[in-house]
Amino acid sequence: MRNALLVQARGTCATPGCDAPYHWLQADHIQPATNHGPTSVANGQILCQPDNHAKSDS
């Protein structure tokens, strides 16, 4: 699934204006799994590690 999301995102973070390096990119649930979000490409996005952690902290 991560590879499919990377292709869909063209290898970039979903956060507008973010130019994080490729090796920082992670697959992320848009609707968190803890809130019954499915593990699927439709509910996935690519975020860099800092943006993913910031999302998790909010």
PDB file of N, CA and C in Angstrom:
ATOM      1  N   MET A   1       0.812  -1.184   0.000  1.00  0.00           N
ATOM      2  CA  MET A   1       0.000   0.000   0.000  1.00  0.00           C
ATOM      3  C   MET A   1       0.866   1.262   0.000  1.00  0.00           C
ATOM      4  N   ARG A   2       1.947   1.260   0.738  1.00  0.00           N
ATOM      5  CA  ARG A   2       2.826   2.436   0.780  1.00  0.00           C
ATOM      6  C   ARG A   2       3.319   2.788  -0.619  1.00  0.00           C
ATOM      7  N   ASN A   3       3.712   1.775  -1.376  1.00  0.00           N
ATOM      8  CA  ASN A   3       4.201   2.036  -2.730  1.00  0.00           C
ATOM      9  C   ASN A   3       3.117   2.642  -3.607  1.00  0.00           C
ATOM     10  N   ALA A   4       1.891   2.146  -3.500  1.00  0.00           N
ATOM     11  CA  ALA A   4       0.781   2.709  -4.275  1.00  0.00           C
ATOM     12  C   ALA A   4       0.545   4.169  -3.892  1.00  0.00           C
ATOM     13  N   LEU A   5       0.609   4.463  -2.602  1.00  0.00           N
ATOM     14  CA  LEU A   5       0.425   5.843  -2.146  1.00  0.00           C
ATOM     15  C   LEU A   5       1.564   6.744  -2.622  1.00  0.00           C
ATOM     16  N   LEU A   6       2.790   6.223  -2.613  1.00  0.00           N
ATOM     17  CA  LEU A   6       3.932   7.008  -3.090  1.00  0.00           C
ATOM     18  C   LEU A   6       3.784   7.357  -4.565  1.00  0.00           C
ATOM     19  N   VAL A   7       3.325   6.393  -5.360  1.00  0.00           N
ATOM     20  CA  VAL A   7       3.107   6.655  -6.789  1.00  0.00           C
ATOM     21  C   VAL A   7       2.010   7.704  -6.953  1.00  0.00           C
ATOM     22  N   GLN A   8       0.911   7.526  -6.234  1.00  0.00           N
ATOM     23  CA  GLN A   8      -0.218   8.458  -6.305  1.00  0.00           C
ATOM     24  C   GLN A   8       0.208   9.870  -5.906  1.00  0.00           C
ATOM     25  N   ALA A   9       1.055   9.981  -4.890  1.00  0.00           N
ATOM     26  CA  ALA A   9       1.507  11.284  -4.380  1.00  0.00           C
ATOM     27  C   ALA A   9       2.716  11.818  -5.136  1.00  0.00           C
ATOM     28  N   ARG A  10       3.180  11.055  -6.103  1.00  0.00           N
ATOM     29  CA  ARG A  10       4.364  11.423  -6.888  1.00  0.00           C
ATOM     30  C   ARG A  10       5.582  11.653  -6.006  1.00  0.00           C
ATOM     31  N   GLY A  11       5.668  10.859  -4.941  1.00  0.00           N
ATOM     32  CA  GLY A  11       6.835  10.893  -4.070  1.00  0.00           C
ATOM     33  C   GLY A  11       6.990  12.159  -3.260  1.00  0.00           C
ATOM     34  N   THR A  12       5.861  12.828  -2.960  1.00  0.00           N
ATOM     35  CA  THR A  12       5.934  14.059  -2.175  1.00  0.00           C
ATOM     36  C   THR A  12       4.958  14.013  -1.003  1.00  0.00           C
ATOM     37  N   CYS A  13       5.251  14.780   0.005  1.00  0.00           N
ATOM     38  CA  CYS A  13       4.401  14.908   1.184  1.00  0.00           C
ATOM     39  C   CYS A  13       3.095  15.600   0.799  1.00  0.00           C
ATOM     40  N   ALA A  14       1.989  15.183   1.410  1.00  0.00           N
ATOM     41  CA  ALA A  14       0.670  15.765   1.125  1.00  0.00           C
ATOM     42  C   ALA A  14       0.495  17.163   1.707  1.00  0.00           C
ATOM     43  N   THR A  15       1.369  17.578   2.596  1.00  0.00           N
ATOM     44  CA  THR A  15       1.265  18.912   3.185  1.00  0.00           C
ATOM     45  C   THR A  15       1.691  19.956   2.154  1.00  0.00           C
ATOM     46  N   PRO A  16       0.806  20.909   1.832  1.00  0.00           N
ATOM     47  CA  PRO A  16       1.155  21.927   0.833  1.00  0.00           C
ATOM     48  C   PRO A  16       2.446  22.662   1.187  1.00  0.00           C
ATOM     49  N   GLY A  17       3.314  22.784   0.194  1.00  0.00           N
ATOM     50  CA  GLY A  17       4.567  23.500   0.367  1.00  0.00           C
ATOM     51  C   GLY A  17       5.695  22.698   0.981  1.00  0.00           C
ATOM     52  N   CYS A  18       5.419  21.474   1.412  1.00  0.00           N
ATOM     53  CA  CYS A  18       6.456  20.649   2.037  1.00  0.00           C
ATOM     54  C   CYS A  18       7.354  20.054   0.961  1.00  0.00           C
ATOM     55  N   ASP A  19       8.648  20.167   1.149  1.00  0.00           N
ATOM     56  CA  ASP A  19       9.600  19.577   0.205  1.00  0.00           C
ATOM     57  C   ASP A  19      10.557  18.622   0.927  1.00  0.00           C
ATOM     58  N   ALA A  20      10.002  17.876   1.872  1.00  0.00           N
ATOM     59  CA  ALA A  20      10.796  16.918   2.652  1.00  0.00           C
ATOM     60  C   ALA A  20      11.441  15.885   1.733  1.00  0.00           C
ATOM     61  N   PRO A  21      12.626  15.404   2.104  1.00  0.00           N
ATOM     62  CA  PRO A  21      13.285  14.382   1.296  1.00  0.00           C
ATOM     63  C   PRO A  21      12.499  13.065   1.296  1.00  0.00           C
ATOM     64  N   TYR A  22      12.679  12.330   0.216  1.00  0.00           N
ATOM     65  CA  TYR A  22      11.960  11.076  -0.007  1.00  0.00           C
ATOM     66  C   TYR A  22      12.077  10.123   1.182  1.00  0.00           C
ATOM     67  N   HIS A  23      13.262  10.029   1.775  1.00  0.00           N
ATOM     68  CA  HIS A  23      13.463   9.048   2.854  1.00  0.00           C
ATOM     69  C   HIS A  23      12.718   9.417   4.141  1.00  0.00           C
ATOM     70  N   TRP A  24      12.121  10.595   4.218  1.00  0.00           N
ATOM     71  CA  TRP A  24      11.299  10.972   5.372  1.00  0.00           C
ATOM     72  C   TRP A  24       9.835  10.589   5.198  1.00  0.00           C
ATOM     73  N   LEU A  25       9.433  10.168   4.003  1.00  0.00           N
ATOM     74  CA  LEU A  25       8.019   9.957   3.706  1.00  0.00           C
ATOM     75  C   LEU A  25       7.471   8.685   4.333  1.00  0.00           C
ATOM     76  N   GLN A  26       6.233   8.795   4.836  1.00  0.00           N
ATOM     77  CA  GLN A  26       5.558   7.683   5.507  1.00  0.00           C
ATOM     78  C   GLN A  26       4.119   7.592   5.019  1.00  0.00           C
ATOM     79  N   ALA A  27       3.582   6.386   5.024  1.00  0.00           N
ATOM     80  CA  ALA A  27       2.156   6.196   4.749  1.00  0.00           C
ATOM     81  C   ALA A  27       1.377   6.573   6.005  1.00  0.00           C
ATOM     82  N   ASP A  28       0.243   7.222   5.807  1.00  0.00           N
ATOM     83  CA  ASP A  28      -0.569   7.709   6.920  1.00  0.00           C
ATOM     84  C   ASP A  28      -2.038   7.443   6.634  1.00  0.00           C
ATOM     85  N   HIS A  29      -2.787   7.122   7.679  1.00  0.00           N
ATOM     86  CA  HIS A  29      -4.246   7.017   7.569  1.00  0.00           C
ATOM     87  C   HIS A  29      -4.833   8.430   7.619  1.00  0.00           C
ATOM     88  N   ILE A  30      -5.704   8.785   6.683  1.00  0.00           N
ATOM     89  CA  ILE A  30      -6.399  10.074   6.736  1.00  0.00           C
ATOM     90  C   ILE A  30      -7.364  10.055   7.919  1.00  0.00           C
ATOM     91  N   GLN A  31      -8.231   9.054   7.954  1.00  0.00           N
ATOM     92  CA  GLN A  31      -9.073   8.808   9.134  1.00  0.00           C
ATOM     93  C   GLN A  31      -8.324   7.763   9.946  1.00  0.00           C
ATOM     94  N   PRO A  32      -7.856   8.104  11.139  1.00  0.00           N
ATOM     95  CA  PRO A  32      -7.014   7.189  11.910  1.00  0.00           C
ATOM     96  C   PRO A  32      -7.633   5.811  12.127  1.00  0.00           C
ATOM     97  N   ALA A  33      -6.791   4.806  12.136  1.00  0.00           N
ATOM     98  CA  ALA A  33      -7.241   3.436  12.402  1.00  0.00           C
ATOM     99  C   ALA A  33      -7.891   3.349  13.779  1.00  0.00           C
ATOM    100  N   THR A  34      -7.420   4.166  14.715  1.00  0.00           N
ATOM    101  CA  THR A  34      -8.012   4.165  16.059  1.00  0.00           C
ATOM    102  C   THR A  34      -9.441   4.698  16.061  1.00  0.00           C
ATOM    103  N   ASN A  35      -9.819   5.406  14.990  1.00  0.00           N
ATOM    104  CA  ASN A  35     -11.195   5.889  14.820  1.00  0.00           C
ATOM    105  C   ASN A  35     -11.915   5.077  13.753  1.00  0.00           C
ATOM    106  N   HIS A  36     -11.511   3.825  13.607  1.00  0.00           N
ATOM    107  CA  HIS A  36     -12.116   2.876  12.669  1.00  0.00           C
ATOM    108  C   HIS A  36     -11.875   3.231  11.206  1.00  0.00           C
ATOM    109  N   GLY A  37     -10.806   3.971  10.925  1.00  0.00           N
ATOM    110  CA  GLY A  37     -10.444   4.262   9.540  1.00  0.00           C
ATOM    111  C   GLY A  37      -9.869   3.022   8.890  1.00  0.00           C
ATOM    112  N   PRO A  38     -10.310   2.712   7.682  1.00  0.00           N
ATOM    113  CA  PRO A  38      -9.815   1.513   7.012  1.00  0.00           C
ATOM    114  C   PRO A  38      -8.364   1.675   6.557  1.00  0.00           C
ATOM    115  N   THR A  39      -7.662   0.569   6.485  1.00  0.00           N
ATOM    116  CA  THR A  39      -6.328   0.558   5.905  1.00  0.00           C
ATOM    117  C   THR A  39      -6.516   0.307   4.419  1.00  0.00           C
ATOM    118  N   SER A  40      -6.538   1.402   3.662  1.00  0.00           N
ATOM    119  CA  SER A  40      -6.784   1.326   2.224  1.00  0.00           C
ATOM    120  C   SER A  40      -6.123   2.516   1.544  1.00  0.00           C
ATOM    121  N   VAL A  41      -5.917   2.389   0.248  1.00  0.00           N
ATOM    122  CA  VAL A  41      -5.346   3.496  -0.516  1.00  0.00           C
ATOM    123  C   VAL A  41      -6.278   4.708  -0.456  1.00  0.00           C
ATOM    124  N   ALA A  42      -7.584   4.471  -0.496  1.00  0.00           N
ATOM    125  CA  ALA A  42      -8.551   5.574  -0.458  1.00  0.00           C
ATOM    126  C   ALA A  42      -8.480   6.358   0.854  1.00  0.00           C
ATOM    127  N   ASN A  43      -8.064   5.714   1.930  1.00  0.00           N
ATOM    128  CA  ASN A  43      -7.952   6.374   3.232  1.00  0.00           C
ATOM    129  C   ASN A  43      -6.491   6.646   3.589  1.00  0.00           C
ATOM    130  N   GLY A  44      -5.637   6.655   2.599  1.00  0.00           N
ATOM    131  CA  GLY A  44      -4.221   6.849   2.861  1.00  0.00           C
ATOM    132  C   GLY A  44      -3.675   8.095   2.205  1.00  0.00           C
ATOM    133  N   GLN A  45      -2.569   8.550   2.734  1.00  0.00           N
ATOM    134  CA  GLN A  45      -1.835   9.664   2.151  1.00  0.00           C
ATOM    135  C   GLN A  45      -0.375   9.510   2.536  1.00  0.00           C
ATOM    136  N   ILE A  46       0.468  10.247   1.861  1.00  0.00           N
ATOM    137  CA  ILE A  46       1.889  10.261   2.183  1.00  0.00           C
ATOM    138  C   ILE A  46       2.198  11.560   2.921  1.00  0.00           C
ATOM    139  N   LEU A  47       2.791  11.431   4.087  1.00  0.00           N
ATOM    140  CA  LEU A  47       3.257  12.577   4.860  1.00  0.00           C
ATOM    141  C   LEU A  47       4.720  12.360   5.212  1.00  0.00           C
ATOM    142  N   CYS A  48       5.455  13.457   5.367  1.00  0.00           N
ATOM    143  CA  CYS A  48       6.815  13.332   5.878  1.00  0.00           C
ATOM    144  C   CYS A  48       6.718  13.036   7.374  1.00  0.00           C
ATOM    145  N   GLN A  49       7.791  12.533   7.926  1.00  0.00           N
ATOM    146  CA  GLN A  49       7.787  12.159   9.342  1.00  0.00           C
ATOM    147  C   GLN A  49       7.397  13.328  10.252  1.00  0.00           C
ATOM    148  N   PRO A  50       7.970  14.543  10.084  1.00  0.00           N
ATOM    149  CA  PRO A  50       7.566  15.639  10.972  1.00  0.00           C
ATOM    150  C   PRO A  50       6.077  15.990  10.860  1.00  0.00           C
ATOM    151  N   ASP A  51       5.536  16.010   9.642  1.00  0.00           N
ATOM    152  CA  ASP A  51       4.116  16.337   9.478  1.00  0.00           C
ATOM    153  C   ASP A  51       3.225  15.230  10.024  1.00  0.00           C
ATOM    154  N   ASN A  52       3.643  13.989   9.877  1.00  0.00           N
ATOM    155  CA  ASN A  52       2.874  12.866  10.415  1.00  0.00           C
ATOM    156  C   ASN A  52       2.842  12.939  11.943  1.00  0.00           C
ATOM    157  N   HIS A  53       3.972  13.241  12.557  1.00  0.00           N
ATOM    158  CA  HIS A  53       4.017  13.356  14.019  1.00  0.00           C
ATOM    159  C   HIS A  53       3.203  14.555  14.496  1.00  0.00           C
ATOM    160  N   ALA A  54       3.261  15.670  13.765  1.00  0.00           N
ATOM    161  CA  ALA A  54       2.475  16.850  14.135  1.00  0.00           C
ATOM    162  C   ALA A  54       0.987  16.539  14.058  1.00  0.00           C
ATOM    163  N   LYS A  55       0.583  15.777  13.045  1.00  0.00           N
ATOM    164  CA  LYS A  55      -0.821  15.387  12.912  1.00  0.00           C
ATOM    165  C   LYS A  55      -1.227  14.500  14.081  1.00  0.00           C
ATOM    166  N   SER A  56      -0.372  13.589  14.462  1.00  0.00           N
ATOM    167  CA  SER A  56      -0.666  12.668  15.561  1.00  0.00           C
ATOM    168  C   SER A  56      -0.773  13.395  16.893  1.00  0.00           C
ATOM    169  N   ASP A  57      -0.015  14.472  17.048  1.00  0.00           N
ATOM    170  CA  ASP A  57       0.001  15.221  18.303  1.00  0.00           C
ATOM    171  C   ASP A  57      -1.189  16.158  18.454  1.00  0.00           C
ATOM    172  N   SER A  58      -1.882  16.434  17.357  1.00  0.00           N
ATOM    173  CA  SER A  58      -2.992  17.399  17.439  1.00  0.00           C
ATOM    174  C   SER A  58      -4.314  16.734  17.739  1.00  0.00           C
TER     175      SER A  58
END
